PDB file of N, CA and C in Angstrom:
ATOM      1  N   UNK A   1      21.052  14.850   2.096  1.00  0.00           N
ATOM      2  CA  UNK A   1      19.915  14.604   2.939  1.00  0.00           C
ATOM      3  C   UNK A   1      19.736  15.804   3.865  1.00  0.00           C
ATOM      4  N   UNK A   2      18.500  16.179   4.063  1.00  0.00           N
ATOM      5  CA  UNK A   2      18.206  17.313   4.933  1.00  0.00           C
ATOM      6  C   UNK A   2      18.206  16.861   6.386  1.00  0.00           C
ATOM      7  N   UNK A   3      18.729  17.688   7.245  1.00  0.00           N
ATOM      8  CA  UNK A   3      18.753  17.394   8.672  1.00  0.00           C
ATOM      9  C   UNK A   3      17.592  18.108   9.347  1.00  0.00           C
ATOM     10  N   UNK A   4      16.763  17.354  10.062  1.00  0.00           N
ATOM     11  CA  UNK A   4      15.636  17.917  10.797  1.00  0.00           C
ATOM     12  C   UNK A   4      15.751  17.525  12.258  1.00  0.00           C
ATOM     13  N   UNK A   5      15.154  18.338  13.101  1.00  0.00           N
ATOM     14  CA  UNK A   5      15.128  18.015  14.519  1.00  0.00           C
ATOM     15  C   UNK A   5      13.804  17.357  14.855  1.00  0.00           C
ATOM     16  N   UNK A   6      13.850  16.443  15.808  1.00  0.00           N
ATOM     17  CA  UNK A   6      12.673  15.726  16.228  1.00  0.00           C
ATOM     18  C   UNK A   6      12.629  15.736  17.748  1.00  0.00           C
ATOM     19  N   UNK A   7      11.517  16.185  18.307  1.00  0.00           N
ATOM     20  CA  UNK A   7      11.365  16.202  19.762  1.00  0.00           C
ATOM     21  C   UNK A   7      10.615  14.951  20.194  1.00  0.00           C
ATOM     22  N   UNK A   8      11.267  14.125  20.990  1.00  0.00           N
ATOM     23  CA  UNK A   8      10.655  12.919  21.521  1.00  0.00           C
ATOM     24  C   UNK A   8      10.436  13.070  23.020  1.00  0.00           C
ATOM     25  N   UNK A   9       9.434  12.393  23.502  1.00  0.00           N
ATOM     26  CA  UNK A   9       9.247  12.364  24.957  1.00  0.00           C
ATOM     27  C   UNK A   9      10.429  11.618  25.564  1.00  0.00           C
ATOM     28  N   UNK A  10      10.710  11.842  26.837  1.00  0.00           N
ATOM     29  CA  UNK A  10      11.815  11.095  27.453  1.00  0.00           C
ATOM     30  C   UNK A  10      11.638   9.575  27.330  1.00  0.00           C
ATOM     31  N   UNK A  11      10.414   9.093  27.462  1.00  0.00           N
ATOM     32  CA  UNK A  11      10.176   7.650  27.367  1.00  0.00           C
ATOM     33  C   UNK A  11      10.448   7.144  25.946  1.00  0.00           C
ATOM     34  N   UNK A  12       9.982   7.885  24.941  1.00  0.00           N
ATOM     35  CA  UNK A  12      10.230   7.482  23.553  1.00  0.00           C
ATOM     36  C   UNK A  12      11.713   7.546  23.222  1.00  0.00           C
ATOM     37  N   UNK A  13      12.373   8.586  23.688  1.00  0.00           N
ATOM     38  CA  UNK A  13      13.802   8.733  23.444  1.00  0.00           C
ATOM     39  C   UNK A  13      14.574   7.557  24.041  1.00  0.00           C
ATOM     40  N   UNK A  14      14.211   7.170  25.250  1.00  0.00           N
ATOM     41  CA  UNK A  14      14.867   6.042  25.906  1.00  0.00           C
ATOM     42  C   UNK A  14      14.562   4.733  25.175  1.00  0.00           C
ATOM     43  N   UNK A  15      13.339   4.568  24.703  1.00  0.00           N
ATOM     44  CA  UNK A  15      12.976   3.355  23.975  1.00  0.00           C
ATOM     45  C   UNK A  15      13.774   3.248  22.679  1.00  0.00           C
ATOM     46  N   UNK A  16      13.929   4.348  21.974  1.00  0.00           N
ATOM     47  CA  UNK A  16      14.710   4.346  20.729  1.00  0.00           C
ATOM     48  C   UNK A  16      16.173   4.044  21.045  1.00  0.00           C
ATOM     49  N   UNK A  17      16.689   4.631  22.093  1.00  0.00           N
ATOM     50  CA  UNK A  17      18.086   4.397  22.485  1.00  0.00           C
ATOM     51  C   UNK A  17      18.315   2.922  22.795  1.00  0.00           C
ATOM     52  N   UNK A  18      17.408   2.325  23.556  1.00  0.00           N
ATOM     53  CA  UNK A  18      17.545   0.911  23.926  1.00  0.00           C
ATOM     54  C   UNK A  18      17.409  -0.003  22.699  1.00  0.00           C
ATOM     55  N   UNK A  19      16.483   0.331  21.819  1.00  0.00           N
ATOM     56  CA  UNK A  19      16.317  -0.460  20.606  1.00  0.00           C
ATOM     57  C   UNK A  19      17.573  -0.381  19.739  1.00  0.00           C
ATOM     58  N   UNK A  20      18.158   0.788  19.660  1.00  0.00           N
ATOM     59  CA  UNK A  20      19.393   0.955  18.889  1.00  0.00           C
ATOM     60  C   UNK A  20      20.508   0.089  19.479  1.00  0.00           C
ATOM     61  N   UNK A  21      20.614   0.070  20.787  1.00  0.00           N
ATOM     62  CA  UNK A  21      21.639  -0.755  21.429  1.00  0.00           C
ATOM     63  C   UNK A  21      21.390  -2.241  21.169  1.00  0.00           C
ATOM     64  N   UNK A  22      20.138  -2.672  21.300  1.00  0.00           N
ATOM     65  CA  UNK A  22      19.794  -4.083  21.121  1.00  0.00           C
ATOM     66  C   UNK A  22      20.015  -4.557  19.685  1.00  0.00           C
ATOM     67  N   UNK A  23      19.732  -3.692  18.719  1.00  0.00           N
ATOM     68  CA  UNK A  23      19.802  -4.096  17.315  1.00  0.00           C
ATOM     69  C   UNK A  23      21.125  -3.756  16.647  1.00  0.00           C
ATOM     70  N   UNK A  24      21.929  -2.942  17.304  1.00  0.00           N
ATOM     71  CA  UNK A  24      23.199  -2.538  16.708  1.00  0.00           C
ATOM     72  C   UNK A  24      23.025  -1.506  15.604  1.00  0.00           C
ATOM     73  N   UNK A  25      21.879  -0.905  15.541  1.00  0.00           N
ATOM     74  CA  UNK A  25      21.618   0.133  14.540  1.00  0.00           C
ATOM     75  C   UNK A  25      21.680   1.488  15.217  1.00  0.00           C
ATOM     76  N   UNK A  26      21.805   2.517  14.421  1.00  0.00           N
ATOM     77  CA  UNK A  26      21.832   3.854  15.000  1.00  0.00           C
ATOM     78  C   UNK A  26      20.404   4.326  15.266  1.00  0.00           C
ATOM     79  N   UNK A  27      20.283   5.259  16.196  1.00  0.00           N
ATOM     80  CA  UNK A  27      18.978   5.844  16.475  1.00  0.00           C
ATOM     81  C   UNK A  27      18.434   6.528  15.223  1.00  0.00           C
ATOM     82  N   UNK A  28      19.307   7.201  14.491  1.00  0.00           N
ATOM     83  CA  UNK A  28      18.885   7.884  13.260  1.00  0.00           C
ATOM     84  C   UNK A  28      18.329   6.883  12.249  1.00  0.00           C
ATOM     85  N   UNK A  29      18.990   5.731  12.096  1.00  0.00           N
ATOM     86  CA  UNK A  29      18.521   4.723  11.148  1.00  0.00           C
ATOM     87  C   UNK A  29      17.139   4.205  11.549  1.00  0.00           C
ATOM     88  N   UNK A  30      16.937   3.986  12.838  1.00  0.00           N
ATOM     89  CA  UNK A  30      15.631   3.525  13.314  1.00  0.00           C
ATOM     90  C   UNK A  30      14.549   4.561  13.051  1.00  0.00           C
ATOM     91  N   UNK A  31      14.864   5.819  13.297  1.00  0.00           N
ATOM     92  CA  UNK A  31      13.877   6.878  13.071  1.00  0.00           C
ATOM     93  C   UNK A  31      13.598   7.066  11.581  1.00  0.00           C
ATOM     94  N   UNK A  32      14.624   6.932  10.741  1.00  0.00           N
ATOM     95  CA  UNK A  32      14.419   7.004   9.285  1.00  0.00           C
ATOM     96  C   UNK A  32      13.472   5.887   8.839  1.00  0.00           C
ATOM     97  N   UNK A  33      13.700   4.690   9.360  1.00  0.00           N
ATOM     98  CA  UNK A  33      12.855   3.556   9.004  1.00  0.00           C
ATOM     99  C   UNK A  33      11.415   3.784   9.463  1.00  0.00           C
ATOM    100  N   UNK A  34      11.237   4.328  10.641  1.00  0.00           N
ATOM    101  CA  UNK A  34       9.891   4.598  11.155  1.00  0.00           C
ATOM    102  C   UNK A  34       9.153   5.608  10.275  1.00  0.00           C
ATOM    103  N   UNK A  35       9.851   6.649   9.872  1.00  0.00           N
ATOM    104  CA  UNK A  35       9.232   7.664   9.008  1.00  0.00           C
ATOM    105  C   UNK A  35       8.884   7.055   7.651  1.00  0.00           C
ATOM    106  N   UNK A  36       9.782   6.233   7.101  1.00  0.00           N
ATOM    107  CA  UNK A  36       9.532   5.592   5.813  1.00  0.00           C
ATOM    108  C   UNK A  36       8.298   4.697   5.888  1.00  0.00           C
ATOM    109  N   UNK A  37       8.167   3.918   6.948  1.00  0.00           N
ATOM    110  CA  UNK A  37       7.000   3.048   7.102  1.00  0.00           C
ATOM    111  C   UNK A  37       5.726   3.864   7.237  1.00  0.00           C
ATOM    112  N   UNK A  38       5.790   4.965   7.948  1.00  0.00           N
ATOM    113  CA  UNK A  38       4.625   5.837   8.076  1.00  0.00           C
ATOM    114  C   UNK A  38       4.218   6.390   6.716  1.00  0.00           C
ATOM    115  N   UNK A  39       5.188   6.822   5.919  1.00  0.00           N
ATOM    116  CA  UNK A  39       4.879   7.362   4.593  1.00  0.00           C
ATOM    117  C   UNK A  39       4.278   6.291   3.682  1.00  0.00           C
ATOM    118  N   UNK A  40       4.749   5.054   3.794  1.00  0.00           N
ATOM    119  CA  UNK A  40       4.174   3.958   3.014  1.00  0.00           C
ATOM    120  C   UNK A  40       2.730   3.704   3.423  1.00  0.00           C
ATOM    121  N   UNK A  41       2.451   3.729   4.729  1.00  0.00           N
ATOM    122  CA  UNK A  41       1.087   3.522   5.206  1.00  0.00           C
ATOM    123  C   UNK A  41       0.163   4.629   4.723  1.00  0.00           C
ATOM    124  N   UNK A  42       0.632   5.864   4.750  1.00  0.00           N
ATOM    125  CA  UNK A  42      -0.173   6.997   4.291  1.00  0.00           C
ATOM    126  C   UNK A  42      -0.453   6.869   2.796  1.00  0.00           C
ATOM    127  N   UNK A  43       0.559   6.513   2.023  1.00  0.00           N
ATOM    128  CA  UNK A  43       0.374   6.352   0.572  1.00  0.00           C
ATOM    129  C   UNK A  43      -0.630   5.247   0.274  1.00  0.00           C
ATOM    130  N   UNK A  44      -0.545   4.137   1.013  1.00  0.00           N
ATOM    131  CA  UNK A  44      -1.480   3.032   0.807  1.00  0.00           C
ATOM    132  C   UNK A  44      -2.900   3.457   1.171  1.00  0.00           C
ATOM    133  N   UNK A  45      -3.056   4.162   2.250  1.00  0.00           N
ATOM    134  CA  UNK A  45      -4.389   4.621   2.651  1.00  0.00           C
ATOM    135  C   UNK A  45      -4.937   5.627   1.642  1.00  0.00           C
ATOM    136  N   UNK A  46      -4.095   6.510   1.132  1.00  0.00           N
ATOM    137  CA  UNK A  46      -4.537   7.452   0.094  1.00  0.00           C
ATOM    138  C   UNK A  46      -5.029   6.702  -1.139  1.00  0.00           C
ATOM    139  N   UNK A  47      -4.312   5.638  -1.512  1.00  0.00           N
ATOM    140  CA  UNK A  47      -4.710   4.831  -2.655  1.00  0.00           C
ATOM    141  C   UNK A  47      -6.058   4.164  -2.386  1.00  0.00           C
ATOM    142  N   UNK A  48      -6.229   3.633  -1.175  1.00  0.00           N
ATOM    143  CA  UNK A  48      -7.499   2.974  -0.821  1.00  0.00           C
ATOM    144  C   UNK A  48      -8.658   3.966  -0.854  1.00  0.00           C
ATOM    145  N   UNK A  49      -8.449   5.166  -0.341  1.00  0.00           N
ATOM    146  CA  UNK A  49      -9.496   6.187  -0.357  1.00  0.00           C
ATOM    147  C   UNK A  49      -9.865   6.536  -1.794  1.00  0.00           C
ATOM    148  N   UNK A  50      -8.859   6.700  -2.649  1.00  0.00           N
ATOM    149  CA  UNK A  50      -9.119   7.026  -4.055  1.00  0.00           C
ATOM    150  C   UNK A  50      -9.872   5.890  -4.736  1.00  0.00           C
ATOM    151  N   UNK A  51      -9.490   4.659  -4.450  1.00  0.00           N
ATOM    152  CA  UNK A  51     -10.151   3.509  -5.050  1.00  0.00           C
ATOM    153  C   UNK A  51     -11.613   3.431  -4.609  1.00  0.00           C
ATOM    154  N   UNK A  52     -11.856   3.676  -3.315  1.00  0.00           N
ATOM    155  CA  UNK A  52     -13.242   3.683  -2.832  1.00  0.00           C
ATOM    156  C   UNK A  52     -14.050   4.786  -3.506  1.00  0.00           C
ATOM    157  N   UNK A  53     -13.411   5.882  -3.832  1.00  0.00           N
ATOM    158  CA  UNK A  53     -14.101   7.011  -4.447  1.00  0.00           C
ATOM    159  C   UNK A  53     -14.581   6.731  -5.862  1.00  0.00           C
ATOM    160  N   UNK A  54     -13.906   5.842  -6.572  1.00  0.00           N
ATOM    161  CA  UNK A  54     -14.314   5.553  -7.945  1.00  0.00           C
ATOM    162  C   UNK A  54     -15.218   4.328  -8.043  1.00  0.00           C
ATOM    163  N   UNK A  55     -15.384   3.615  -6.934  1.00  0.00           N
ATOM    164  CA  UNK A  55     -16.216   2.412  -6.950  1.00  0.00           C
ATOM    165  C   UNK A  55     -17.640   2.762  -7.381  1.00  0.00           C
ATOM    166  N   UNK A  56     -18.096   2.115  -8.407  1.00  0.00           N
ATOM    167  CA  UNK A  56     -19.465   2.287  -8.874  1.00  0.00           C
ATOM    168  C   UNK A  56     -19.736   3.569  -9.638  1.00  0.00           C
ATOM    169  N   UNK A  57     -18.707   4.298 -10.001  1.00  0.00           N
ATOM    170  CA  UNK A  57     -18.942   5.594 -10.642  1.00  0.00           C
ATOM    171  C   UNK A  57     -19.630   5.470 -12.003  1.00  0.00           C
ATOM    172  N   UNK A  58     -19.552   4.301 -12.647  1.00  0.00           N
ATOM    173  CA  UNK A  58     -20.203   4.108 -13.941  1.00  0.00           C
ATOM    174  C   UNK A  58     -21.525   3.347 -13.801  1.00  0.00           C
ATOM    175  N   UNK A  59     -21.914   3.008 -12.588  1.00  0.00           N
ATOM    176  CA  UNK A  59     -23.074   2.136 -12.383  1.00  0.00           C
ATOM    177  C   UNK A  59     -24.344   2.664 -13.051  1.00  0.00           C
ATOM    178  N   UNK A  60     -24.605   3.955 -12.988  1.00  0.00           N
ATOM    179  CA  UNK A  60     -25.835   4.520 -13.531  1.00  0.00           C
ATOM    180  C   UNK A  60     -25.639   5.240 -14.854  1.00  0.00           C
ATOM    181  N   UNK A  61     -24.451   5.106 -15.427  1.00  0.00           N
ATOM    182  CA  UNK A  61     -24.169   5.794 -16.688  1.00  0.00           C
ATOM    183  C   UNK A  61     -24.889   5.066 -17.819  1.00  0.00           C
ATOM    184  N   UNK A  62     -25.577   5.788 -18.703  1.00  0.00           N
ATOM    185  CA  UNK A  62     -26.362   5.129 -19.755  1.00  0.00           C
ATOM    186  C   UNK A  62     -25.544   4.301 -20.739  1.00  0.00           C
ATOM    187  N   UNK A  63     -24.277   4.634 -20.940  1.00  0.00           N
ATOM    188  CA  UNK A  63     -23.482   3.877 -21.909  1.00  0.00           C
ATOM    189  C   UNK A  63     -22.540   2.876 -21.243  1.00  0.00           C
ATOM    190  N   UNK A  64     -22.730   2.644 -19.942  1.00  0.00           N
ATOM    191  CA  UNK A  64     -21.877   1.676 -19.250  1.00  0.00           C
ATOM    192  C   UNK A  64     -22.176   0.274 -19.769  1.00  0.00           C
ATOM    193  N   UNK A  65     -21.124  -0.504 -20.044  1.00  0.00           N
ATOM    194  CA  UNK A  65     -21.362  -1.860 -20.560  1.00  0.00           C
ATOM    195  C   UNK A  65     -21.942  -2.771 -19.481  1.00  0.00           C
ATOM    196  N   UNK A  66     -22.699  -3.746 -19.909  1.00  0.00           N
ATOM    197  CA  UNK A  66     -23.265  -4.728 -19.005  1.00  0.00           C
ATOM    198  C   UNK A  66     -22.146  -5.663 -18.545  1.00  0.00           C
ATOM    199  N   UNK A  67     -22.001  -5.850 -17.239  1.00  0.00           N
ATOM    200  CA  UNK A  67     -20.902  -6.672 -16.713  1.00  0.00           C
ATOM    201  C   UNK A  67     -21.027  -8.130 -17.123  1.00  0.00           C
ATOM    202  N   UNK A  68     -22.243  -8.632 -17.208  1.00  0.00           N
ATOM    203  CA  UNK A  68     -22.406 -10.031 -17.631  1.00  0.00           C
ATOM    204  C   UNK A  68     -21.919 -10.222 -19.072  1.00  0.00           C
ATOM    205  N   UNK A  69     -22.200  -9.230 -19.938  1.00  0.00           N
ATOM    206  CA  UNK A  69     -21.718  -9.300 -21.321  1.00  0.00           C
ATOM    207  C   UNK A  69     -20.193  -9.245 -21.371  1.00  0.00           C
ATOM    208  N   UNK A  70     -19.603  -8.391 -20.539  1.00  0.00           N
ATOM    209  CA  UNK A  70     -18.141  -8.304 -20.492  1.00  0.00           C
ATOM    210  C   UNK A  70     -17.531  -9.626 -20.059  1.00  0.00           C
ATOM    211  N   UNK A  71     -18.085 -10.207 -18.995  1.00  0.00           N
ATOM    212  CA  UNK A  71     -17.561 -11.482 -18.496  1.00  0.00           C
ATOM    213  C   UNK A  71     -17.692 -12.583 -19.551  1.00  0.00           C
ATOM    214  N   UNK A  72     -18.824 -12.623 -20.240  1.00  0.00           N
ATOM    215  CA  UNK A  72     -19.027 -13.628 -21.290  1.00  0.00           C
ATOM    216  C   UNK A  72     -18.000 -13.444 -22.401  1.00  0.00           C
ATOM    217  N   UNK A  73     -17.713 -12.214 -22.748  1.00  0.00           N
ATOM    218  CA  UNK A  73     -16.700 -11.933 -23.767  1.00  0.00           C
ATOM    219  C   UNK A  73     -15.325 -12.396 -23.343  1.00  0.00           C
ATOM    220  N   UNK A  74     -14.990 -12.160 -22.073  1.00  0.00           N
ATOM    221  CA  UNK A  74     -13.694 -12.609 -21.567  1.00  0.00           C
ATOM    222  C   UNK A  74     -13.621 -14.134 -21.611  1.00  0.00           C
ATOM    223  N   UNK A  75     -14.721 -14.764 -21.200  1.00  0.00           N
ATOM    224  CA  UNK A  75     -14.750 -16.222 -21.175  1.00  0.00           C
ATOM    225  C   UNK A  75     -14.554 -16.791 -22.574  1.00  0.00           C
ATOM    226  N   UNK A  76     -15.238 -16.209 -23.562  1.00  0.00           N
ATOM    227  CA  UNK A  76     -15.133 -16.739 -24.927  1.00  0.00           C
ATOM    228  C   UNK A  76     -13.732 -16.534 -25.497  1.00  0.00           C
ATOM    229  N   UNK A  77     -13.057 -15.462 -25.084  1.00  0.00           N
ATOM    230  CA  UNK A  77     -11.704 -15.205 -25.608  1.00  0.00           C
ATOM    231  C   UNK A  77     -10.659 -16.087 -24.952  1.00  0.00           C
ATOM    232  N   UNK A  78     -10.975 -16.647 -23.785  1.00  0.00           N
ATOM    233  CA  UNK A  78      -9.983 -17.475 -23.087  1.00  0.00           C
ATOM    234  C   UNK A  78     -10.262 -18.961 -23.230  1.00  0.00           C
ATOM    235  N   UNK A  79     -11.361 -19.314 -23.864  1.00  0.00           N
ATOM    236  CA  UNK A  79     -11.675 -20.721 -24.067  1.00  0.00           C
ATOM    237  C   UNK A  79     -10.609 -21.340 -24.965  1.00  0.00           C
ATOM    238  N   UNK A  80     -10.160 -22.511 -24.581  1.00  0.00           N
ATOM    239  CA  UNK A  80      -9.134 -23.197 -25.370  1.00  0.00           C
ATOM    240  C   UNK A  80      -7.723 -22.979 -24.857  1.00  0.00           C
ATOM    241  N   UNK A  81      -7.534 -22.008 -23.987  1.00  0.00           N
ATOM    242  CA  UNK A  81      -6.208 -21.828 -23.399  1.00  0.00           C
ATOM    243  C   UNK A  81      -6.004 -22.895 -22.339  1.00  0.00           C
ATOM    244  N   UNK A  82      -4.855 -23.504 -22.367  1.00  0.00           N
ATOM    245  CA  UNK A  82      -4.558 -24.511 -21.357  1.00  0.00           C
ATOM    246  C   UNK A  82      -3.998 -23.848 -20.117  1.00  0.00           C
ATOM    247  N   UNK A  83      -4.322 -24.420 -18.995  1.00  0.00           N
ATOM    248  CA  UNK A  83      -3.750 -23.948 -17.731  1.00  0.00           C
ATOM    249  C   UNK A  83      -2.293 -24.400 -17.685  1.00  0.00           C
ATOM    250  N   UNK A  84      -1.404 -23.539 -17.230  1.00  0.00           N
ATOM    251  CA  UNK A  84       0.001 -23.951 -17.127  1.00  0.00           C
ATOM    252  C   UNK A  84       0.161 -25.043 -16.077  1.00  0.00           C
ATOM    253  N   UNK A  85       1.061 -25.944 -16.333  1.00  0.00           N
ATOM    254  CA  UNK A  85       1.355 -26.981 -15.343  1.00  0.00           C
ATOM    255  C   UNK A  85       2.607 -26.588 -14.600  1.00  0.00           C
ATOM    256  N   UNK A  86       2.579 -26.841 -13.333  1.00  0.00           N
ATOM    257  CA  UNK A  86       3.729 -26.502 -12.479  1.00  0.00           C
ATOM    258  C   UNK A  86       4.328 -27.805 -11.971  1.00  0.00           C
ATOM    259  N   UNK A  87       5.444 -28.147 -12.499  1.00  0.00           N
ATOM    260  CA  UNK A  87       6.085 -29.401 -12.114  1.00  0.00           C
ATOM    261  C   UNK A  87       7.369 -29.144 -11.387  1.00  0.00           C
TER     262      UNK A  87
END
């Protein structure tokens, strides 16, 4: 693992120290967890931005299939399947 330095304000440093004492975890573990959560949030937001970017991209394409026809096809292929029972 690579070692990096992090500059915290005195108030943030004290808050991390107190949280570490209260939880019995190390300050490093808390900071690792915070960075991991931030990276997860960034990845999720990147995914959302990408998804928004492709929304409707085929809407005006001349060979795009009609959604009602697609739905009807799905419906006809699933007719006769029983719903699972949960007992």
